[in-house]
Amino acid sequence: MSIANEIVRLQNAKASIKSSLEAKGVQVPSSAKLDSYATLVDQINVGANIEYSLTEPSDKSKLWIKTNDDSRNVNVVPFLPTRYLDMTEKSTLVLGSSGQCGGYNKDKTAIYVLEGTGQSSRNVISKYDLATSITTYIEARFPVQNNGSVFSCSVNGLIYFFYNTAVYVLDTKTEIITTLNTTAPESIANGSAFEFNGYIYLVNILVGGYAKAYAYKFDYINYTFTKVNNYLPVVLYATSIAKVNDAVYFIGGQVSSTVVNTIYKFDLTTETSSLLNITLPVAKSYISSFYKNGKIYCIGGLTTTSIWTNTNTILMIDIENETIEELDTTFLYRTAAGYYTTEEMSDNLFYIIGGSSGSNYTNKISTISLAKEDLSNNTYILTKQSKKAFDIAAGINIYISDIYFGGIDNSVKKAEAYLYNVEQEQWEQI
């Protein structure tokens, strides 16, 4: 290549870079040489989604940093935050077991748990009060002994229990258990249940000890059962379910005696299923799963058919983008096959109760908060270089606990940050 051609190529490259810089609001002096363009790149405003002011911004899509300090020029290399999920061991049940089931009252201030495998008194129901963290037995006893085969669903303060051909209901207001005047078409057990549009879907069921390719939906107003044929392309059981709007995700589980790593989506409006293109990093069954803000968090689970191969890993499934990752954070202890609340309670927490842990049954009552991802261990320095990272953080709804920015005197100052809550029509400190 000739020298003349090289000069033309460099001139064209310089002109192209100049146009890009000017498009991003950077003034490029006509006398600027190509080797000075690196300093001009630093002037690009990569924090356009952040507003620094003492008064509320008119643009409600921005992250508002409440400060009048404009000098955010401390030369600190930016970093993205590490996710942190707030987890707490709250209390204990009177007994420890696995295969529990239960539900909660209408205002989600109390959780009821029917004991399962591992105890002789498997017809007792524990009541956990969220306000006091106290666990007591309710007076009523469940009509049958639960060997881990009973499963349940909460609907408007009533907890429906399914076992064999019977349907039992615990009214959490009166704490009285009744047997409904109806029978299932066949003896069912060990399933999972969720509510949708006036029906309780009974999935992953065993009939006569064998998993089935069909499910049932129970009309809890008219007490009738309807079969849902071939709701999944495989015969799964011991799988975890996460209800997301008008769909349910089936995560892991067992096919015959093999633990699998698949994830299926079941569309409740069309009653059709599809296999996701992502899989669990490790095949698991009996996982505890929670959904919030477009993500399904999968906690623990068994890696084999043995109840003692429980784990403490936390996986995060991004529904929209169909991605999955294992978080650096692990759960408080190894857990599987316990009861978990599929909805947030009144304290904005999800609960995991009992199950197998390590080489024993546990009676622990623990919580996990998905309302925030904490940056307290990673002090965030807001600089010209780190604004872009901060934009990303704000864009994925990360909870920002402490926000700092570089001051005029190169000191580090603390600031308040706000995001606009569209539903509440107000700025909320984050």
Foldseek 3Di string as FASTA:
>chain_A
DDPVVVVVVVVVVVVVLCVVLVVQPFDDDPPDDPVCVVVSVLVRQLQPQEDEDCDDDPPQSHKYWRHPFDAQAQPDAFDFFAFDWDKDFQEFEPDFAFLKEWAAAQQQQKTKIQHEADDPQRFWIWIAGNVVRDIDTDPDTHPDGHHSWWYWEDDNQWIWIAFFFWIWIQRNVVRDIDTDPGTHPGGWTQFYWYDDDQWIKTAQIDGPNHFDQKIWIARPVVGDIDIQHRLDVARFHLWDWADDPQKIKTAWGDGPQATFFWIKIAGNVVSHIDTAPDTDPAGWGQWYWEDDDQKIKTAWGARGPDQQRTDFWIKIARNVVGDIDTHPDTHPFTFGRHYKHHDQGNVQWIWTAWGDTHPGITRIIMTIHPQATERVVPAGEDHSNHSNSVVVCVVSNHQYDWHWGQGPVRDIDTTWIWRADPVVRGTDTD
